[in-house]
Amino acid sequence: MYVGTLSFDLLLGDVHSLKEKRSVVRPIVAELQRKYAVSAAEVDHMNLHRRAVIGLAMVSGDAGHLSDVLDRCERLVAGRPEVELLSVRRRFHGEDD
């Protein structure tokens, strides 16, 4: 069994309220969940309207498949024009951990 996690630190564009922030972050989280069957949520900077951290996790029996899905998730978030991806933290836990 392999477990992979990603943490995306995001700077949001022209956002002036927490309500506008939700309208940017929620569709990203929903698309990650729908397209890649990962668990995803906003996990930090909840009270800052221009910053967000989205975390996601996935479990797989195949390390190659897991790495491929995490790469696709990272490209999806990096390609969103309404956010600037400040950093990505990736963790990979295998059977030897």
C-alpha atoms as a PDB file:
ATOM      1  CA  MET A   1       0.000   0.000   0.000  1.00  0.00           C
ATOM      2  CA  TYR A   2       1.228   3.489  -0.891  1.00  0.00           C
ATOM      3  CA  VAL A   3      -0.070   6.811   0.410  1.00  0.00           C
ATOM      4  CA  GLY A   4       0.669  10.114  -1.285  1.00  0.00           C
ATOM      5  CA  THR A   5      -0.141  13.616  -0.128  1.00  0.00           C
ATOM      6  CA  LEU A   6       0.157  17.047  -1.687  1.00  0.00           C
ATOM      7  CA  SER A   7      -0.130  20.436  -0.027  1.00  0.00           C
ATOM      8  CA  PHE A   8      -0.625  23.474  -2.284  1.00  0.00           C
ATOM      9  CA  ASP A   9       0.112  26.942  -0.903  1.00  0.00           C
ATOM     10  CA  LEU A  10      -1.890  29.374  -3.034  1.00  0.00           C
ATOM     11  CA  LEU A  11      -2.054  33.123  -3.479  1.00  0.00           C
ATOM     12  CA  LEU A  12      -5.447  34.117  -4.808  1.00  0.00           C
ATOM     13  CA  GLY A  13      -5.879  36.850  -7.402  1.00  0.00           C
ATOM     14  CA  ASP A  14      -8.428  39.649  -7.213  1.00  0.00           C
ATOM     15  CA  VAL A  15     -10.232  38.440  -4.072  1.00  0.00           C
ATOM     16  CA  HIS A  16     -11.553  40.877  -1.471  1.00  0.00           C
ATOM     17  CA  SER A  17     -13.629  38.726   0.879  1.00  0.00           C
ATOM     18  CA  LEU A  18     -13.891  35.238   2.324  1.00  0.00           C
ATOM     19  CA  LYS A  19     -17.001  34.691   0.217  1.00  0.00           C
ATOM     20  CA  GLU A  20     -15.044  35.425  -2.970  1.00  0.00           C
ATOM     21  CA  LYS A  21     -12.261  33.160  -1.696  1.00  0.00           C
ATOM     22  CA  ARG A  22     -14.718  30.264  -1.332  1.00  0.00           C
ATOM     23  CA  SER A  23     -15.897  30.826  -4.896  1.00  0.00           C
ATOM     24  CA  VAL A  24     -12.307  30.275  -6.088  1.00  0.00           C
ATOM     25  CA  VAL A  25     -11.187  27.465  -3.755  1.00  0.00           C
ATOM     26  CA  ARG A  26     -14.280  25.247  -3.774  1.00  0.00           C
ATOM     27  CA  PRO A  27     -14.277  24.592  -7.535  1.00  0.00           C
ATOM     28  CA  ILE A  28     -10.595  23.598  -7.413  1.00  0.00           C
ATOM     29  CA  VAL A  29     -11.218  21.156  -4.557  1.00  0.00           C
ATOM     30  CA  ALA A  30     -14.310  19.749  -6.302  1.00  0.00           C
ATOM     31  CA  GLU A  31     -12.468  19.260  -9.596  1.00  0.00           C
ATOM     32  CA  LEU A  32      -9.590  17.432  -7.880  1.00  0.00           C
ATOM     33  CA  GLN A  33     -12.065  15.136  -6.141  1.00  0.00           C
ATOM     34  CA  ARG A  34     -14.149  14.515  -9.265  1.00  0.00           C
ATOM     35  CA  LYS A  35     -11.349  14.032 -11.806  1.00  0.00           C
ATOM     36  CA  TYR A  36      -8.845  12.089  -9.728  1.00  0.00           C
ATOM     37  CA  ALA A  37     -10.831  10.441  -6.895  1.00  0.00           C
ATOM     38  CA  VAL A  38      -8.601  11.976  -4.219  1.00  0.00           C
ATOM     39  CA  SER A  39      -9.532  13.308  -0.801  1.00  0.00           C
ATOM     40  CA  ALA A  40      -9.082  17.085  -0.896  1.00  0.00           C
ATOM     41  CA  ALA A  41      -9.926  20.065   1.303  1.00  0.00           C
ATOM     42  CA  GLU A  42      -8.849  23.566   2.225  1.00  0.00           C
ATOM     43  CA  VAL A  43      -6.630  22.972   5.249  1.00  0.00           C
ATOM     44  CA  ASP A  44      -5.006  26.277   6.278  1.00  0.00           C
ATOM     45  CA  HIS A  45      -5.299  30.084   6.092  1.00  0.00           C
ATOM     46  CA  MET A  46      -9.082  29.825   6.492  1.00  0.00           C
ATOM     47  CA  ASN A  47      -9.432  33.417   7.732  1.00  0.00           C
ATOM     48  CA  LEU A  48      -7.158  35.062   5.138  1.00  0.00           C
ATOM     49  CA  HIS A  49      -9.005  36.082   1.999  1.00  0.00           C
ATOM     50  CA  ARG A  50      -6.015  36.039  -0.411  1.00  0.00           C
ATOM     51  CA  ARG A  51      -4.250  32.877   0.783  1.00  0.00           C
ATOM     52  CA  ALA A  52      -5.283  29.230   0.838  1.00  0.00           C
ATOM     53  CA  VAL A  53      -3.699  25.859   1.429  1.00  0.00           C
ATOM     54  CA  ILE A  54      -5.325  22.882  -0.246  1.00  0.00           C
ATOM     55  CA  GLY A  55      -4.333  19.434   0.941  1.00  0.00           C
ATOM     56  CA  LEU A  56      -5.035  16.156  -0.787  1.00  0.00           C
ATOM     57  CA  ALA A  57      -4.342  12.493  -0.170  1.00  0.00           C
ATOM     58  CA  MET A  58      -4.603   9.278  -2.140  1.00  0.00           C
ATOM     59  CA  VAL A  59      -4.052   5.595  -1.399  1.00  0.00           C
ATOM     60  CA  SER A  60      -3.008   3.120  -4.094  1.00  0.00           C
ATOM     61  CA  GLY A  61      -1.571  -0.343  -4.434  1.00  0.00           C
ATOM     62  CA  ASP A  62       0.719   0.812  -7.254  1.00  0.00           C
ATOM     63  CA  ALA A  63       3.442   3.404  -6.618  1.00  0.00           C
ATOM     64  CA  GLY A  64       3.643   4.369 -10.298  1.00  0.00           C
ATOM     65  CA  HIS A  65      -0.077   5.032 -10.550  1.00  0.00           C
ATOM     66  CA  LEU A  66      -0.001   7.078  -7.345  1.00  0.00           C
ATOM     67  CA  SER A  67       2.884   9.216  -8.597  1.00  0.00           C
ATOM     68  CA  ASP A  68       1.124   9.767 -11.928  1.00  0.00           C
ATOM     69  CA  VAL A  69      -2.110  10.933 -10.271  1.00  0.00           C
ATOM     70  CA  LEU A  70      -0.235  13.288  -7.923  1.00  0.00           C
ATOM     71  CA  ASP A  71       1.593  14.773 -10.933  1.00  0.00           C
ATOM     72  CA  ARG A  72      -1.727  15.340 -12.710  1.00  0.00           C
ATOM     73  CA  CYS A  73      -3.215  17.004  -9.624  1.00  0.00           C
ATOM     74  CA  GLU A  74      -0.225  19.319  -9.388  1.00  0.00           C
ATOM     75  CA  ARG A  75      -0.522  20.295 -13.067  1.00  0.00           C
ATOM     76  CA  LEU A  76      -4.245  20.972 -12.657  1.00  0.00           C
ATOM     77  CA  VAL A  77      -3.715  23.384  -9.754  1.00  0.00           C
ATOM     78  CA  ALA A  78      -0.674  25.041 -11.363  1.00  0.00           C
ATOM     79  CA  GLY A  79      -2.690  25.625 -14.532  1.00  0.00           C
ATOM     80  CA  ARG A  80      -5.491  27.534 -12.839  1.00  0.00           C
ATOM     81  CA  PRO A  81      -5.218  31.206 -13.918  1.00  0.00           C
ATOM     82  CA  GLU A  82      -7.065  32.578 -10.869  1.00  0.00           C
ATOM     83  CA  VAL A  83      -4.404  31.367  -8.408  1.00  0.00           C
ATOM     84  CA  GLU A  84      -0.648  31.608  -8.092  1.00  0.00           C
ATOM     85  CA  LEU A  85       0.967  28.417  -6.848  1.00  0.00           C
ATOM     86  CA  LEU A  86       3.528  29.516  -4.248  1.00  0.00           C
ATOM     87  CA  SER A  87       4.715  26.062  -3.229  1.00  0.00           C
ATOM     88  CA  VAL A  88       3.887  22.378  -3.354  1.00  0.00           C
ATOM     89  CA  ARG A  89       4.819  19.885  -0.676  1.00  0.00           C
ATOM     90  CA  ARG A  90       4.713  16.224  -1.670  1.00  0.00           C
ATOM     91  CA  ARG A  91       4.942  13.266   0.672  1.00  0.00           C
ATOM     92  CA  PHE A  92       5.062   9.655  -0.364  1.00  0.00           C
ATOM     93  CA  HIS A  93       4.718   6.793   2.109  1.00  0.00           C
ATOM     94  CA  GLY A  94       5.451   3.252   0.972  1.00  0.00           C
ATOM     95  CA  GLU A  95       5.363  -0.203   2.506  1.00  0.00           C
ATOM     96  CA  ASP A  96       8.833   0.262   3.999  1.00  0.00           C
ATOM     97  CA  ASP A  97       7.830   3.256   6.170  1.00  0.00           C
END
